[in-house]
Amino acid sequence: MADTAKEKTAAKKTAAKKTAAKKPAAKKTAAEQGPPFKPKPPFFFELSRLMVVATDANSKLVYKAQTKPNGPWEANWTPIDKSGTYGAMAAGLTGDGRVAVVAEPRSQSNVVFIDEKPDTLTQQWNAPFDLGSPPGVTTFFSLALTPDAEARVEVFGVDSNRNIWWKYQNPNRIVQKQVTITPPGTKTPITVTVDEVAPPLDIGHVTSLAALKFIFEYIGMVKLGTTA
């Protein structure tokens, strides 16, 4: 009988433990939970929408995009850069998928590069970046922009003498950096040298476009007309 009483007492304790385990945990207050999670906004191309970039009747750079994948288009054109007017222009993508525009301002012969700002909830653009122009070239008839196989931006242009010019983004550099770490199983920190990727250099400094090559290079001449 004594053993039976002990078994009943042990069973009651076990049941009490299970009941206690089933009690829901107290909810955290708003202060304990911290700020709400905000996911990183995707680049435009990740939304699977289409965008058209053009110059309007006033030679302003403008764009219009779909409101959702395979959906309707925005009602109005939106300015990309309100500060100037443009002639030749072209649109494309950067290596990481952002929409980019290369254009020639009517007030100068230099070519400028404008790309989407990353990590913004609304469509925003970086300020125009001056790419310069080839020596002696006063205007471009046409421009083109594309990322290459290494995800670097490449710009092409045909000038008024039908010469083809090319400018491209330099590759990233591998630089060495010393870091202090504490190996597993020890409390003694050590200093090690590691390789890391760094932006390319452009004439002694890093530009906002991660250093497009400083000069335009001559490729050749466009041959116009028909062949017999």
Protein backbone atom coordinates (compact mmCIF):
# COMPACT_ATOMS: atom_id res chain seq x y z
CA MET A 1 0.00 0.00 0.00
CA ALA A 2 2.86 2.37 0.82
CA ASP A 3 4.32 1.82 -2.64
CA THR A 4 0.94 2.58 -4.23
CA ALA A 5 0.67 5.86 -2.28
CA LYS A 6 4.17 6.86 -3.42
CA GLU A 7 3.28 6.11 -7.04
CA LYS A 8 0.14 8.24 -6.82
CA THR A 9 2.11 11.13 -5.30
CA ALA A 10 4.76 10.91 -8.07
CA ALA A 11 2.03 10.84 -10.75
CA LYS A 12 0.45 13.99 -9.28
CA LYS A 13 3.81 15.79 -9.31
CA THR A 14 4.38 14.78 -12.94
CA ALA A 15 0.90 16.02 -13.92
CA ALA A 16 1.55 19.32 -12.10
CA LYS A 17 4.82 19.79 -14.03
CA LYS A 18 3.04 19.16 -17.36
CA THR A 19 0.33 21.65 -16.47
CA ALA A 20 2.94 24.27 -15.59
CA ALA A 21 4.75 23.63 -18.89
CA LYS A 22 1.54 24.24 -20.84
CA LYS A 23 1.07 27.72 -19.45
CA PRO A 24 1.75 30.28 -22.23
CA ALA A 25 4.76 32.55 -21.81
CA ALA A 26 4.02 36.12 -20.87
CA LYS A 27 3.85 38.41 -23.89
CA LYS A 28 6.68 40.89 -24.31
CA THR A 29 5.90 44.58 -24.12
CA ALA A 30 6.42 46.80 -27.17
CA ALA A 31 9.63 48.13 -25.61
CA GLU A 32 10.95 44.59 -25.09
CA GLN A 33 10.07 43.54 -28.63
CA GLY A 34 12.00 46.44 -30.16
CA PRO A 35 11.19 48.23 -33.44
CA PRO A 36 9.10 46.35 -36.04
CA PHE A 37 10.99 44.42 -38.68
CA LYS A 38 11.34 46.27 -41.98
CA PRO A 39 12.43 44.06 -44.86
CA LYS A 40 15.02 45.38 -47.28
CA PRO A 41 13.18 46.77 -50.32
CA PRO A 42 14.01 44.93 -53.53
CA PHE A 43 15.55 46.56 -56.57
CA PHE A 44 13.13 47.50 -59.30
CA PHE A 45 13.95 44.51 -61.51
CA GLU A 46 13.28 42.13 -58.61
CA LEU A 47 9.67 43.30 -58.63
CA SER A 48 9.33 41.94 -62.21
CA ARG A 49 7.97 45.25 -63.48
CA LEU A 50 8.84 47.08 -66.68
CA MET A 51 10.16 50.65 -66.85
CA VAL A 52 10.52 53.01 -69.81
CA VAL A 53 13.04 55.88 -69.73
CA ALA A 54 12.85 58.72 -72.27
CA THR A 55 13.22 62.45 -72.84
CA ASP A 56 10.01 64.49 -72.97
CA ALA A 57 9.07 67.47 -75.19
CA ASN A 58 11.19 69.71 -72.96
CA SER A 59 14.22 67.40 -73.21
CA LYS A 60 13.88 66.35 -69.56
CA LEU A 61 14.77 62.82 -68.50
CA VAL A 62 11.58 61.04 -67.39
CA TYR A 63 10.41 57.50 -66.64
CA LYS A 64 7.18 55.55 -66.44
CA ALA A 65 6.78 52.09 -64.87
CA GLN A 66 4.24 49.37 -64.29
CA THR A 67 2.48 49.56 -60.93
CA LYS A 68 2.78 45.78 -60.48
CA PRO A 69 4.11 42.79 -62.45
CA ASN A 70 2.16 42.43 -65.72
CA GLY A 71 -0.10 45.21 -64.44
CA PRO A 72 -1.16 48.67 -65.58
CA TRP A 73 1.24 51.54 -66.16
CA GLU A 74 1.58 54.64 -64.03
CA ALA A 75 -0.64 57.47 -65.22
CA ASN A 76 2.12 60.09 -65.52
CA TRP A 77 5.76 60.37 -66.48
CA THR A 78 8.06 61.19 -63.54
CA PRO A 79 11.26 63.28 -63.81
CA ILE A 80 14.59 61.57 -63.18
CA ASP A 81 16.69 64.73 -63.10
CA LYS A 82 15.04 68.15 -62.93
CA SER A 83 18.25 70.15 -63.17
CA GLY A 84 19.00 69.90 -66.88
CA THR A 85 17.95 69.00 -70.40
CA TYR A 86 19.37 66.15 -72.44
CA GLY A 87 19.99 65.01 -75.98
CA ALA A 88 21.29 61.51 -76.69
CA MET A 89 20.44 59.03 -73.96
CA ALA A 90 20.11 55.31 -73.24
CA ALA A 91 18.90 53.16 -70.35
CA GLY A 92 20.04 49.81 -69.01
CA LEU A 93 20.88 47.95 -65.81
CA THR A 94 23.83 48.03 -63.45
CA GLY A 95 25.61 44.85 -62.44
CA ASP A 96 23.40 44.46 -59.36
CA GLY A 97 20.19 45.01 -61.33
CA ARG A 98 19.41 48.69 -60.70
CA VAL A 99 18.00 50.78 -63.56
CA ALA A 100 20.59 53.22 -64.93
CA VAL A 101 20.65 56.00 -67.51
CA VAL A 102 23.53 57.46 -69.51
CA ALA A 103 22.82 60.79 -71.24
CA GLU A 104 24.44 63.87 -72.75
CA PRO A 105 23.32 67.23 -71.30
CA ARG A 106 22.49 69.86 -73.90
CA SER A 107 24.52 72.40 -71.94
CA GLN A 108 27.79 70.46 -72.30
CA SER A 109 29.48 67.71 -74.29
CA ASN A 110 30.21 65.52 -71.27
CA VAL A 111 28.21 62.35 -70.71
CA VAL A 112 26.55 61.73 -67.33
CA PHE A 113 25.50 58.54 -65.57
CA ILE A 114 22.42 58.32 -63.32
CA ASP A 115 21.36 55.16 -61.46
CA GLU A 116 18.71 54.09 -58.95
CA LYS A 117 19.40 54.61 -55.28
CA PRO A 118 19.55 51.23 -53.51
CA ASP A 119 17.50 50.36 -50.43
CA THR A 120 14.78 52.99 -50.84
CA LEU A 121 11.05 52.35 -50.40
CA THR A 122 10.18 54.75 -53.24
CA GLN A 123 11.74 55.21 -56.66
CA GLN A 124 14.74 57.54 -56.17
CA TRP A 125 17.79 58.35 -58.28
CA ASN A 126 21.39 59.26 -57.51
CA ALA A 127 22.69 62.62 -58.69
CA PRO A 128 24.21 62.70 -62.22
CA PHE A 129 27.81 61.48 -62.27
CA ASP A 130 30.07 63.15 -64.85
CA LEU A 131 31.79 60.65 -67.14
CA GLY A 132 33.53 63.31 -69.20
CA SER A 133 33.90 63.03 -72.99
CA PRO A 134 36.60 61.99 -75.49
CA PRO A 135 39.05 64.69 -76.62
CA GLY A 136 37.64 66.73 -79.50
CA VAL A 137 34.16 65.21 -79.29
CA THR A 138 31.46 67.87 -79.03
CA THR A 139 28.38 65.67 -79.27
CA PHE A 140 27.20 62.06 -79.37
CA PHE A 141 24.58 60.86 -81.82
CA SER A 142 23.79 57.73 -79.82
CA LEU A 143 24.71 56.08 -76.52
CA ALA A 144 24.35 52.60 -75.03
CA LEU A 145 24.80 51.11 -71.55
CA THR A 146 25.07 47.50 -70.41
CA PRO A 147 26.64 45.38 -67.66
CA ASP A 148 29.32 42.96 -68.84
CA ALA A 149 29.92 39.33 -67.83
CA GLU A 150 31.70 40.52 -64.66
CA ALA A 151 28.76 42.79 -63.70
CA ARG A 152 30.69 45.96 -64.56
CA VAL A 153 28.98 48.89 -66.27
CA GLU A 154 30.09 49.57 -69.86
CA VAL A 155 29.15 52.68 -71.85
CA PHE A 156 29.33 53.04 -75.65
CA GLY A 157 28.81 56.12 -77.81
CA VAL A 158 28.87 57.17 -81.46
CA ASP A 159 30.05 60.75 -82.01
CA SER A 160 29.23 63.20 -84.82
CA ASN A 161 32.10 61.79 -86.93
CA ARG A 162 30.74 58.25 -86.60
CA ASN A 163 33.55 57.19 -84.26
CA ILE A 164 32.68 54.58 -81.64
CA TRP A 165 33.87 55.24 -78.10
CA TRP A 166 33.90 52.95 -75.09
CA LYS A 167 34.16 53.52 -71.34
CA TYR A 168 33.94 50.86 -68.66
CA GLN A 169 33.97 50.30 -64.94
CA ASN A 170 37.25 49.11 -63.46
CA PRO A 171 37.22 45.78 -61.59
CA ASN A 172 37.16 45.66 -57.81
CA ARG A 173 40.50 45.31 -56.00
CA ILE A 174 41.58 42.65 -53.52
CA VAL A 175 43.26 44.31 -50.55
CA GLN A 176 44.76 42.86 -47.39
CA LYS A 177 43.48 43.82 -43.97
CA GLN A 178 44.54 42.85 -40.46
CA VAL A 179 41.79 41.72 -38.08
CA THR A 180 41.87 40.51 -34.48
CA ILE A 181 40.01 37.29 -33.67
CA THR A 182 39.80 34.85 -30.76
CA PRO A 183 40.11 31.24 -31.99
CA PRO A 184 37.60 28.69 -30.65
CA GLY A 185 38.73 27.00 -27.47
CA THR A 186 41.01 29.82 -26.40
CA LYS A 187 40.71 33.19 -24.71
CA THR A 188 43.80 34.67 -26.34
CA PRO A 189 43.10 36.99 -29.30
CA ILE A 190 45.36 36.85 -32.33
CA THR A 191 45.88 39.14 -35.32
CA VAL A 192 45.54 37.64 -38.80
CA THR A 193 45.78 39.05 -42.33
CA VAL A 194 42.80 38.48 -44.61
CA ASP A 195 41.88 39.41 -48.17
CA GLU A 196 38.77 41.51 -48.80
CA VAL A 197 37.12 43.15 -51.80
CA ALA A 198 37.51 46.94 -52.13
CA PRO A 199 36.18 49.41 -54.74
CA PRO A 200 38.47 50.19 -57.67
CA LEU A 201 40.59 53.32 -57.65
CA ASP A 202 40.11 56.17 -60.10
CA ILE A 203 42.93 58.74 -60.33
CA GLY A 204 43.86 58.34 -56.69
CA HIS A 205 40.39 58.29 -55.16
CA VAL A 206 37.19 56.25 -55.08
CA THR A 207 34.28 57.73 -56.99
CA SER A 208 30.58 57.31 -56.30
CA LEU A 209 30.32 55.11 -59.39
CA ALA A 210 33.07 52.82 -58.11
CA ALA A 211 35.50 54.24 -60.66
CA LEU A 212 34.56 54.14 -64.27
CA LYS A 213 37.73 54.16 -66.32
CA PHE A 214 38.86 57.76 -66.58
CA ILE A 215 39.09 58.06 -70.37
CA PHE A 216 36.92 57.05 -73.28
CA GLU A 217 38.68 54.60 -75.59
CA TYR A 218 38.37 54.67 -79.36
CA ILE A 219 37.03 51.45 -80.89
CA GLY A 220 36.49 52.21 -84.57
CA MET A 221 34.30 53.96 -87.08
CA VAL A 222 30.74 53.18 -88.09
CA LYS A 223 30.38 52.56 -91.83
CA LEU A 224 27.12 53.97 -93.15
CA GLY A 225 25.45 53.11 -96.44
CA THR A 226 24.53 49.97 -98.33
CA THR A 227 26.80 47.40 -99.87
CA ALA A 228 26.40 45.96 -103.35
